Amino acid sequence: MDRINVLAQLEAGEMSDELEQMVGYVGKLSEVDTAGVEPMAQPVVREARLREDVVTNGDEREALMKNAPQVMDDMFRVPRSI
């Protein structure tokens, strides 16, 4: 139990130095004048580049069904699994 406490204290000491540095950085950021700056969610505004949704291949059902070992009602027939 003593080892755990010693390790926890060592880790807390290291983390407190890092936390102090982070708080100092945030303090510097609060000094910046942001009066005319509009809030934003993303630093870069981009339009979504979407392609038109066009079907490029036709109905190939017959060709696909020719490769099936068993077909039933225009569907692949497979063994039952539970």
C-alpha atoms as a PDB file:
ATOM      1  CA  MET A   1       0.000   0.000   0.000  1.00  0.00           C
ATOM      2  CA  ASP A   2       2.867   2.391   0.750  1.00  0.00           C
ATOM      3  CA  ARG A   3       4.336   1.925  -2.735  1.00  0.00           C
ATOM      4  CA  ILE A   4       1.029   2.896  -4.313  1.00  0.00           C
ATOM      5  CA  ASN A   5       0.839   6.073  -2.250  1.00  0.00           C
ATOM      6  CA  VAL A   6       4.427   7.027  -3.107  1.00  0.00           C
ATOM      7  CA  LEU A   7       3.821   6.424  -6.828  1.00  0.00           C
ATOM      8  CA  ALA A   8       0.590   8.419  -6.715  1.00  0.00           C
ATOM      9  CA  GLN A   9       2.353  11.334  -5.030  1.00  0.00           C
ATOM     10  CA  LEU A  10       5.191  11.266  -7.575  1.00  0.00           C
ATOM     11  CA  GLU A  11       2.733  11.203 -10.457  1.00  0.00           C
ATOM     12  CA  ALA A  12       0.643  13.986  -8.926  1.00  0.00           C
ATOM     13  CA  GLY A  13       3.774  16.113  -8.548  1.00  0.00           C
ATOM     14  CA  GLU A  14       4.698  15.638 -12.206  1.00  0.00           C
ATOM     15  CA  MET A  15       1.160  16.327 -13.328  1.00  0.00           C
ATOM     16  CA  SER A  16       0.873  19.484 -11.241  1.00  0.00           C
ATOM     17  CA  ASP A  17       3.850  21.004 -13.105  1.00  0.00           C
ATOM     18  CA  GLU A  18       2.185  20.217 -16.433  1.00  0.00           C
ATOM     19  CA  LEU A  19      -1.154  21.581 -15.231  1.00  0.00           C
ATOM     20  CA  GLU A  20       0.495  24.818 -14.113  1.00  0.00           C
ATOM     21  CA  GLN A  21       2.006  25.226 -17.586  1.00  0.00           C
ATOM     22  CA  MET A  22      -1.393  24.633 -19.218  1.00  0.00           C
ATOM     23  CA  VAL A  23      -3.128  27.130 -16.941  1.00  0.00           C
ATOM     24  CA  GLY A  24      -0.405  29.673 -17.720  1.00  0.00           C
ATOM     25  CA  TYR A  25      -0.946  29.176 -21.441  1.00  0.00           C
ATOM     26  CA  VAL A  26      -4.716  29.619 -21.087  1.00  0.00           C
ATOM     27  CA  GLY A  27      -4.047  32.775 -19.077  1.00  0.00           C
ATOM     28  CA  LYS A  28      -1.987  34.163 -21.976  1.00  0.00           C
ATOM     29  CA  LEU A  29      -4.801  33.352 -24.392  1.00  0.00           C
ATOM     30  CA  SER A  30      -7.289  35.304 -22.276  1.00  0.00           C
ATOM     31  CA  GLU A  31      -5.118  38.428 -22.718  1.00  0.00           C
ATOM     32  CA  VAL A  32      -5.638  38.415 -26.516  1.00  0.00           C
ATOM     33  CA  ASP A  33      -8.086  41.017 -27.874  1.00  0.00           C
ATOM     34  CA  THR A  34     -10.879  39.122 -29.658  1.00  0.00           C
ATOM     35  CA  ALA A  35     -13.391  41.977 -29.902  1.00  0.00           C
ATOM     36  CA  GLY A  36     -13.929  41.782 -33.697  1.00  0.00           C
ATOM     37  CA  VAL A  37     -13.405  38.045 -34.156  1.00  0.00           C
ATOM     38  CA  GLU A  38     -16.414  35.913 -35.071  1.00  0.00           C
ATOM     39  CA  PRO A  39     -16.597  32.567 -33.215  1.00  0.00           C
ATOM     40  CA  MET A  40     -16.116  29.489 -35.395  1.00  0.00           C
ATOM     41  CA  ALA A  41     -16.210  25.721 -35.100  1.00  0.00           C
ATOM     42  CA  GLN A  42     -13.578  24.983 -37.772  1.00  0.00           C
ATOM     43  CA  PRO A  43     -10.454  26.989 -38.612  1.00  0.00           C
ATOM     44  CA  VAL A  44     -10.936  26.412 -42.363  1.00  0.00           C
ATOM     45  CA  VAL A  45     -14.283  26.805 -44.112  1.00  0.00           C
ATOM     46  CA  ARG A  46     -14.712  24.359 -46.997  1.00  0.00           C
ATOM     47  CA  GLU A  47     -17.611  23.492 -49.210  1.00  0.00           C
ATOM     48  CA  ALA A  48     -18.512  19.834 -49.375  1.00  0.00           C
ATOM     49  CA  ARG A  49     -17.379  18.435 -52.705  1.00  0.00           C
ATOM     50  CA  LEU A  50     -20.071  15.939 -53.551  1.00  0.00           C
ATOM     51  CA  ARG A  51     -20.313  14.092 -56.807  1.00  0.00           C
ATOM     52  CA  GLU A  52     -23.610  13.554 -58.529  1.00  0.00           C
ATOM     53  CA  ASP A  53     -25.193  10.233 -57.584  1.00  0.00           C
ATOM     54  CA  VAL A  54     -25.320   8.412 -60.903  1.00  0.00           C
ATOM     55  CA  VAL A  55     -25.731   4.674 -61.486  1.00  0.00           C
ATOM     56  CA  THR A  56     -22.681   3.515 -63.453  1.00  0.00           C
ATOM     57  CA  ASN A  57     -23.437  -0.191 -63.767  1.00  0.00           C
ATOM     58  CA  GLY A  58     -26.652  -1.829 -64.854  1.00  0.00           C
ATOM     59  CA  ASP A  59     -28.651  -4.744 -63.557  1.00  0.00           C
ATOM     60  CA  GLU A  60     -26.238  -7.696 -63.503  1.00  0.00           C
ATOM     61  CA  ARG A  61     -28.476 -10.054 -61.541  1.00  0.00           C
ATOM     62  CA  GLU A  62     -28.500 -12.805 -64.176  1.00  0.00           C
ATOM     63  CA  ALA A  63     -24.709 -12.829 -64.513  1.00  0.00           C
ATOM     64  CA  LEU A  64     -24.311 -12.945 -60.720  1.00  0.00           C
ATOM     65  CA  MET A  65     -26.871 -15.722 -60.288  1.00  0.00           C
ATOM     66  CA  LYS A  66     -24.987 -17.868 -62.813  1.00  0.00           C
ATOM     67  CA  ASN A  67     -22.084 -18.011 -60.340  1.00  0.00           C
ATOM     68  CA  ALA A  68     -24.235 -19.115 -57.402  1.00  0.00           C
ATOM     69  CA  PRO A  69     -24.086 -22.797 -56.433  1.00  0.00           C
ATOM     70  CA  GLN A  70     -27.832 -22.774 -55.643  1.00  0.00           C
ATOM     71  CA  VAL A  71     -30.551 -20.243 -56.469  1.00  0.00           C
ATOM     72  CA  MET A  72     -34.103 -20.040 -55.121  1.00  0.00           C
ATOM     73  CA  ASP A  73     -36.600 -17.316 -56.134  1.00  0.00           C
ATOM     74  CA  ASP A  74     -33.852 -15.207 -57.754  1.00  0.00           C
ATOM     75  CA  MET A  75     -31.798 -15.238 -54.526  1.00  0.00           C
ATOM     76  CA  PHE A  76     -28.696 -17.072 -53.366  1.00  0.00           C
ATOM     77  CA  ARG A  77     -29.602 -20.217 -51.439  1.00  0.00           C
ATOM     78  CA  VAL A  78     -27.285 -20.953 -48.536  1.00  0.00           C
ATOM     79  CA  PRO A  79     -27.214 -23.640 -45.861  1.00  0.00           C
ATOM     80  CA  ARG A  80     -29.227 -22.953 -42.713  1.00  0.00           C
ATOM     81  CA  SER A  81     -27.121 -21.752 -39.784  1.00  0.00           C
ATOM     82  CA  ILE A  82     -28.238 -21.438 -36.196  1.00  0.00           C
END
